PDB file of N, CA and C in Angstrom:
ATOM      1  N   MET A   1       0.840  -1.182   0.000  1.00  0.00           N
ATOM      2  CA  MET A   1       0.000   0.000   0.000  1.00  0.00           C
ATOM      3  C   MET A   1       0.886   1.247   0.000  1.00  0.00           C
ATOM      4  N   GLU A   2       0.542   2.170  -0.839  1.00  0.00           N
ATOM      5  CA  GLU A   2       1.239   3.452  -0.876  1.00  0.00           C
ATOM      6  C   GLU A   2       0.760   4.311   0.294  1.00  0.00           C
ATOM      7  N   THR A   3       1.672   5.008   0.930  1.00  0.00           N
ATOM      8  CA  THR A   3       1.319   5.873   2.058  1.00  0.00           C
ATOM      9  C   THR A   3       0.480   7.045   1.572  1.00  0.00           C
ATOM     10  N   ILE A   4      -0.570   7.356   2.326  1.00  0.00           N
ATOM     11  CA  ILE A   4      -1.437   8.501   2.057  1.00  0.00           C
ATOM     12  C   ILE A   4      -1.261   9.477   3.211  1.00  0.00           C
ATOM     13  N   TYR A   5      -1.083  10.746   2.907  1.00  0.00           N
ATOM     14  CA  TYR A   5      -0.808  11.762   3.915  1.00  0.00           C
ATOM     15  C   TYR A   5      -2.056  12.606   4.148  1.00  0.00           C
ATOM     16  N   TYR A   6      -2.430  12.727   5.432  1.00  0.00           N
ATOM     17  CA  TYR A   6      -3.622  13.471   5.810  1.00  0.00           C
ATOM     18  C   TYR A   6      -3.287  14.595   6.763  1.00  0.00           C
ATOM     19  N   MET A   7      -4.064  15.673   6.641  1.00  0.00           N
ATOM     20  CA  MET A   7      -4.008  16.783   7.579  1.00  0.00           C
ATOM     21  C   MET A   7      -5.417  16.975   8.122  1.00  0.00           C
ATOM     22  N   PHE A   8      -5.536  17.064   9.435  1.00  0.00           N
ATOM     23  CA  PHE A   8      -6.813  17.228  10.109  1.00  0.00           C
ATOM     24  C   PHE A   8      -6.881  18.614  10.741  1.00  0.00           C
ATOM     25  N   GLY A   9      -8.076  19.212  10.768  1.00  0.00           N
ATOM     26  CA  GLY A   9      -8.317  20.507  11.393  1.00  0.00           C
ATOM     27  C   GLY A   9      -9.073  21.424  10.449  1.00  0.00           C
ATOM     28  N   SER A  10     -10.225  21.923  10.883  1.00  0.00           N
ATOM     29  CA  SER A  10     -11.098  22.672   9.970  1.00  0.00           C
ATOM     30  C   SER A  10     -10.455  23.935   9.408  1.00  0.00           C
ATOM     31  N   ALA A  11      -9.784  24.713  10.231  1.00  0.00           N
ATOM     32  CA  ALA A  11      -9.210  25.977   9.742  1.00  0.00           C
ATOM     33  C   ALA A  11      -8.081  25.739   8.747  1.00  0.00           C
ATOM     34  N   VAL A  12      -7.210  24.774   9.037  1.00  0.00           N
ATOM     35  CA  VAL A  12      -6.097  24.525   8.120  1.00  0.00           C
ATOM     36  C   VAL A  12      -6.571  23.864   6.827  1.00  0.00           C
ATOM     37  N   VAL A  13      -7.572  23.007   6.920  1.00  0.00           N
ATOM     38  CA  VAL A  13      -8.128  22.373   5.724  1.00  0.00           C
ATOM     39  C   VAL A  13      -8.813  23.420   4.843  1.00  0.00           C
ATOM     40  N   SER A  14      -9.552  24.323   5.452  1.00  0.00           N
ATOM     41  CA  SER A  14     -10.191  25.408   4.704  1.00  0.00           C
ATOM     42  C   SER A  14      -9.141  26.289   4.027  1.00  0.00           C
ATOM     43  N   ALA A  15      -8.085  26.620   4.762  1.00  0.00           N
ATOM     44  CA  ALA A  15      -7.010  27.438   4.194  1.00  0.00           C
ATOM     45  C   ALA A  15      -6.331  26.716   3.039  1.00  0.00           C
ATOM     46  N   TYR A  16      -6.138  25.424   3.167  1.00  0.00           N
ATOM     47  CA  TYR A  16      -5.519  24.623   2.112  1.00  0.00           C
ATOM     48  C   TYR A  16      -6.393  24.605   0.861  1.00  0.00           C
ATOM     49  N   ALA A  17      -7.699  24.502   1.058  1.00  0.00           N
ATOM     50  CA  ALA A  17      -8.631  24.446  -0.070  1.00  0.00           C
ATOM     51  C   ALA A  17      -8.709  25.774  -0.814  1.00  0.00           C
ATOM     52  N   THR A  18      -8.590  26.873  -0.093  1.00  0.00           N
ATOM     53  CA  THR A  18      -8.754  28.179  -0.728  1.00  0.00           C
ATOM     54  C   THR A  18      -7.445  28.857  -1.129  1.00  0.00           C
ATOM     55  N   GLU A  19      -6.375  28.609  -0.348  1.00  0.00           N
ATOM     56  CA  GLU A  19      -5.117  29.325  -0.595  1.00  0.00           C
ATOM     57  C   GLU A  19      -3.918  28.412  -0.790  1.00  0.00           C
ATOM     58  N   GLY A  20      -4.143  27.110  -0.776  1.00  0.00           N
ATOM     59  CA  GLY A  20      -3.039  26.175  -0.950  1.00  0.00           C
ATOM     60  C   GLY A  20      -2.156  26.095   0.281  1.00  0.00           C
ATOM     61  N   PHE A  21      -0.943  25.592   0.074  1.00  0.00           N
ATOM     62  CA  PHE A  21      -0.039  25.349   1.195  1.00  0.00           C
ATOM     63  C   PHE A  21       0.352  26.641   1.911  1.00  0.00           C
ATOM     64  N   ASN A  22       0.457  27.741   1.179  1.00  0.00           N
ATOM     65  CA  ASN A  22       0.766  29.025   1.833  1.00  0.00           C
ATOM     66  C   ASN A  22      -0.333  29.426   2.802  1.00  0.00           C
ATOM     67  N   GLY A  23      -1.573  29.099   2.476  1.00  0.00           N
ATOM     68  CA  GLY A  23      -2.683  29.368   3.378  1.00  0.00           C
ATOM     69  C   GLY A  23      -2.582  28.565   4.658  1.00  0.00           C
ATOM     70  N   VAL A  24      -2.100  27.334   4.539  1.00  0.00           N
ATOM     71  CA  VAL A  24      -1.897  26.496   5.727  1.00  0.00           C
ATOM     72  C   VAL A  24      -0.870  27.149   6.638  1.00  0.00           C
ATOM     73  N   LYS A  25       0.220  27.617   6.062  1.00  0.00           N
ATOM     74  CA  LYS A  25       1.262  28.265   6.871  1.00  0.00           C
ATOM     75  C   LYS A  25       0.708  29.495   7.586  1.00  0.00           C
ATOM     76  N   LYS A  26      -0.138  30.267   6.915  1.00  0.00           N
ATOM     77  CA  LYS A  26      -0.767  31.429   7.554  1.00  0.00           C
ATOM     78  C   LYS A  26      -1.676  30.990   8.699  1.00  0.00           C
ATOM     79  N   ALA A  27      -2.461  29.945   8.471  1.00  0.00           N
ATOM     80  CA  ALA A  27      -3.369  29.446   9.511  1.00  0.00           C
ATOM     81  C   ALA A  27      -2.583  28.965  10.728  1.00  0.00           C
ATOM     82  N   LEU A  28      -1.460  28.322  10.491  1.00  0.00           N
ATOM     83  CA  LEU A  28      -0.628  27.858  11.605  1.00  0.00           C
ATOM     84  C   LEU A  28      -0.013  29.033  12.348  1.00  0.00           C
ATOM     85  N   ASP A  29       0.400  30.057  11.610  1.00  0.00           N
ATOM     86  CA  ASP A  29       0.927  31.269  12.245  1.00  0.00           C
ATOM     87  C   ASP A  29      -0.129  31.940  13.114  1.00  0.00           C
ATOM     88  N   ASP A  30      -1.396  31.784  12.726  1.00  0.00           N
ATOM     89  CA  ASP A  30      -2.508  32.351  13.504  1.00  0.00           C
ATOM     90  C   ASP A  30      -2.893  31.466  14.688  1.00  0.00           C
ATOM     91  N   GLY A  31      -2.213  30.328  14.839  1.00  0.00           N
ATOM     92  CA  GLY A  31      -2.426  29.467  15.990  1.00  0.00           C
ATOM     93  C   GLY A  31      -3.485  28.399  15.849  1.00  0.00           C
ATOM     94  N   HIS A  32      -3.932  28.122  14.633  1.00  0.00           N
ATOM     95  CA  HIS A  32      -4.950  27.092  14.439  1.00  0.00           C
ATOM     96  C   HIS A  32      -4.358  25.696  14.648  1.00  0.00           C
ATOM     97  N   ASP A  33      -5.164  24.824  15.212  1.00  0.00           N
ATOM     98  CA  ASP A  33      -4.764  23.473  15.560  1.00  0.00           C
ATOM     99  C   ASP A  33      -4.850  22.556  14.351  1.00  0.00           C
ATOM    100  N   TYR A  34      -3.939  21.581  14.289  1.00  0.00           N
ATOM    101  CA  TYR A  34      -3.961  20.601  13.216  1.00  0.00           C
ATOM    102  C   TYR A  34      -3.306  19.314  13.696  1.00  0.00           C
ATOM    103  N   PHE A  35      -3.474  18.271  12.923  1.00  0.00           N
ATOM    104  CA  PHE A  35      -2.862  16.985  13.221  1.00  0.00           C
ATOM    105  C   PHE A  35      -2.515  16.312  11.896  1.00  0.00           C
ATOM    106  N   LEU A  36      -1.359  15.681  11.822  1.00  0.00           N
ATOM    107  CA  LEU A  36      -0.908  15.009  10.609  1.00  0.00           C
ATOM    108  C   LEU A  36      -0.882  13.507  10.806  1.00  0.00           C
ATOM    109  N   VAL A  37      -1.210  12.771   9.739  1.00  0.00           N
ATOM    110  CA  VAL A  37      -1.153  11.309   9.764  1.00  0.00           C
ATOM    111  C   VAL A  37      -0.605  10.817   8.435  1.00  0.00           C
ATOM    112  N   ALA A  38       0.379   9.918   8.508  1.00  0.00           N
ATOM    113  CA  ALA A  38       0.862   9.192   7.340  1.00  0.00           C
ATOM    114  C   ALA A  38       0.240   7.804   7.420  1.00  0.00           C
ATOM    115  N   TYR A  39      -0.780   7.579   6.620  1.00  0.00           N
ATOM    116  CA  TYR A  39      -1.535   6.327   6.659  1.00  0.00           C
ATOM    117  C   TYR A  39      -0.904   5.322   5.710  1.00  0.00           C
ATOM    118  N   GLY A  40      -0.424   4.220   6.275  1.00  0.00           N
ATOM    119  CA  GLY A  40       0.204   3.189   5.464  1.00  0.00           C
ATOM    120  C   GLY A  40      -0.061   1.817   6.040  1.00  0.00           C
ATOM    121  N   ASP A  41       0.778   0.872   5.661  1.00  0.00           N
ATOM    122  CA  ASP A  41       0.609  -0.521   6.073  1.00  0.00           C
ATOM    123  C   ASP A  41       0.698  -0.729   7.579  1.00  0.00           C
ATOM    124  N   ASP A  42       1.329   0.201   8.286  1.00  0.00           N
ATOM    125  CA  ASP A  42       1.518   0.032   9.722  1.00  0.00           C
ATOM    126  C   ASP A  42       0.352   0.582  10.551  1.00  0.00           C
ATOM    127  N   MET A  43      -0.736   0.979   9.901  1.00  0.00           N
ATOM    128  CA  MET A  43      -1.880   1.577  10.594  1.00  0.00           C
ATOM    129  C   MET A  43      -3.169   0.922  10.109  1.00  0.00           C
ATOM    130  N   THR A  44      -4.078   0.660  11.034  1.00  0.00           N
ATOM    131  CA  THR A  44      -5.374   0.088  10.659  1.00  0.00           C
ATOM    132  C   THR A  44      -6.351   1.216  10.331  1.00  0.00           C
ATOM    133  N   PRO A  45      -7.409   0.910   9.587  1.00  0.00           N
ATOM    134  CA  PRO A  45      -8.432   1.930   9.334  1.00  0.00           C
ATOM    135  C   PRO A  45      -9.022   2.491  10.627  1.00  0.00           C
ATOM    136  N   SER A  46      -9.170   1.668  11.638  1.00  0.00           N
ATOM    137  CA  SER A  46      -9.706   2.145  12.918  1.00  0.00           C
ATOM    138  C   SER A  46      -8.767   3.161  13.566  1.00  0.00           C
ATOM    139  N   GLU A  47      -7.471   2.942  13.442  1.00  0.00           N
ATOM    140  CA  GLU A  47      -6.501   3.899  13.992  1.00  0.00           C
ATOM    141  C   GLU A  47      -6.577   5.227  13.239  1.00  0.00           C
ATOM    142  N   LEU A  48      -6.750   5.156  11.923  1.00  0.00           N
ATOM    143  CA  LEU A  48      -6.910   6.378  11.138  1.00  0.00           C
ATOM    144  C   LEU A  48      -8.163   7.129  11.562  1.00  0.00           C
ATOM    145  N   LEU A  49      -9.273   6.415  11.720  1.00  0.00           N
ATOM    146  CA  LEU A  49     -10.519   7.052  12.143  1.00  0.00           C
ATOM    147  C   LEU A  49     -10.392   7.669  13.529  1.00  0.00           C
ATOM    148  N   ALA A  50      -9.655   7.044  14.407  1.00  0.00           N
ATOM    149  CA  ALA A  50      -9.453   7.591  15.751  1.00  0.00           C
ATOM    150  C   ALA A  50      -8.714   8.932  15.694  1.00  0.00           C
ATOM    151  N   CYS A  51      -7.855   9.108  14.710  1.00  0.00           N
ATOM    152  CA  CYS A  51      -7.128  10.376  14.555  1.00  0.00           C
ATOM    153  C   CYS A  51      -8.075  11.518  14.216  1.00  0.00           C
ATOM    154  N   TYR A  52      -9.179  11.180  13.564  1.00  0.00           N
ATOM    155  CA  TYR A  52     -10.164  12.189  13.154  1.00  0.00           C
ATOM    156  C   TYR A  52     -10.961  12.732  14.349  1.00  0.00           C
ATOM    157  N   THR A  53     -11.020  11.981  15.425  1.00  0.00           N
ATOM    158  CA  THR A  53     -11.789  12.378  16.602  1.00  0.00           C
ATOM    159  C   THR A  53     -11.334  13.743  17.104  1.00  0.00           C
ATOM    160  N   GLY A  54     -12.291  14.645  17.244  1.00  0.00           N
ATOM    161  CA  GLY A  54     -11.987  15.986  17.733  1.00  0.00           C
ATOM    162  C   GLY A  54     -11.714  17.008  16.643  1.00  0.00           C
ATOM    163  N   TYR A  55     -11.558  16.550  15.427  1.00  0.00           N
ATOM    164  CA  TYR A  55     -11.335  17.461  14.302  1.00  0.00           C
ATOM    165  C   TYR A  55     -12.567  17.410  13.405  1.00  0.00           C
ATOM    166  N   THR A  56     -12.907  18.548  12.812  1.00  0.00           N
ATOM    167  CA  THR A  56     -14.135  18.602  12.028  1.00  0.00           C
ATOM    168  C   THR A  56     -13.922  18.489  10.531  1.00  0.00           C
ATOM    169  N   ASP A  57     -12.665  18.385  10.115  1.00  0.00           N
ATOM    170  CA  ASP A  57     -12.414  18.280   8.678  1.00  0.00           C
ATOM    171  C   ASP A  57     -11.051  17.644   8.449  1.00  0.00           C
ATOM    172  N   PHE A  58     -10.833  17.148   7.234  1.00  0.00           N
ATOM    173  CA  PHE A  58      -9.544  16.563   6.867  1.00  0.00           C
ATOM    174  C   PHE A  58      -9.338  16.723   5.373  1.00  0.00           C
ATOM    175  N   THR A  59      -8.100  16.585   4.946  1.00  0.00           N
ATOM    176  CA  THR A  59      -7.767  16.585   3.531  1.00  0.00           C
ATOM    177  C   THR A  59      -6.523  15.746   3.320  1.00  0.00           C
ATOM    178  N   GLU A  60      -6.375  15.244   2.130  1.00  0.00           N
ATOM    179  CA  GLU A  60      -5.162  14.542   1.740  1.00  0.00           C
ATOM    180  C   GLU A  60      -4.166  15.590   1.264  1.00  0.00           C
ATOM    181  N   ILE A  61      -2.900  15.450   1.664  1.00  0.00           N
ATOM    182  CA  ILE A  61      -1.866  16.392   1.246  1.00  0.00           C
ATOM    183  C   ILE A  61      -0.718  15.636   0.578  1.00  0.00           C
ATOM    184  N   GLU A  62       0.151  16.380  -0.061  1.00  0.00           N
ATOM    185  CA  GLU A  62       1.288  15.808  -0.770  1.00  0.00           C
ATOM    186  C   GLU A  62       2.388  15.418   0.223  1.00  0.00           C
ATOM    187  N   PRO A  63       3.198  14.417  -0.127  1.00  0.00           N
ATOM    188  CA  PRO A  63       4.266  13.998   0.770  1.00  0.00           C
ATOM    189  C   PRO A  63       5.221  15.120   1.168  1.00  0.00           C
ATOM    190  N   ASP A  64       5.594  15.990   0.224  1.00  0.00           N
ATOM    191  CA  ASP A  64       6.515  17.082   0.552  1.00  0.00           C
ATOM    192  C   ASP A  64       5.874  18.102   1.498  1.00  0.00           C
ATOM    193  N   GLU A  65       4.564  18.299   1.378  1.00  0.00           N
ATOM    194  CA  GLU A  65       3.851  19.192   2.303  1.00  0.00           C
ATOM    195  C   GLU A  65       3.822  18.581   3.704  1.00  0.00           C
ATOM    196  N   PHE A  66       3.566  17.267   3.766  1.00  0.00           N
ATOM    197  CA  PHE A  66       3.592  16.566   5.038  1.00  0.00           C
ATOM    198  C   PHE A  66       4.956  16.731   5.695  1.00  0.00           C
ATOM    199  N   ASP A  67       6.019  16.502   4.938  1.00  0.00           N
ATOM    200  CA  ASP A  67       7.375  16.620   5.467  1.00  0.00           C
ATOM    201  C   ASP A  67       7.670  18.025   5.977  1.00  0.00           C
ATOM    202  N   ALA A  68       7.222  19.031   5.245  1.00  0.00           N
ATOM    203  CA  ALA A  68       7.450  20.416   5.674  1.00  0.00           C
ATOM    204  C   ALA A  68       6.730  20.715   6.988  1.00  0.00           C
ATOM    205  N   LEU A  69       5.499  20.227   7.114  1.00  0.00           N
ATOM    206  CA  LEU A  69       4.731  20.474   8.340  1.00  0.00           C
ATOM    207  C   LEU A  69       5.256  19.647   9.509  1.00  0.00           C
ATOM    208  N   ALA A  70       5.748  18.450   9.226  1.00  0.00           N
ATOM    209  CA  ALA A  70       6.243  17.558  10.277  1.00  0.00           C
ATOM    210  C   ALA A  70       7.678  17.892  10.677  1.00  0.00           C
ATOM    211  N   GLY A  71       8.294  18.782   9.922  1.00  0.00           N
ATOM    212  CA  GLY A  71       9.668  19.167  10.222  1.00  0.00           C
ATOM    213  C   GLY A  71      10.711  18.177   9.745  1.00  0.00           C
ATOM    214  N   ASN A  72      10.348  17.397   8.752  1.00  0.00           N
ATOM    215  CA  ASN A  72      11.287  16.408   8.197  1.00  0.00           C
ATOM    216  C   ASN A  72      12.134  17.017   7.108  1.00  0.00           C
TER     217      ASN A  72
END
């Protein structure tokens, strides 16, 4: 299975949808909460769904965007 990268959090997802990755950086500078998940063979669907708990939105992001946000 190829790894799929997710970002959770309504404000950052909205910023990503309207302004792209630069919008995400602005939302983070404004203090909005987010959570990242690299979903692959080492994670069950139930574990992925548990990550969604407490967040009202999610989006799939590119691997390089995930790395930039995760500090890799």
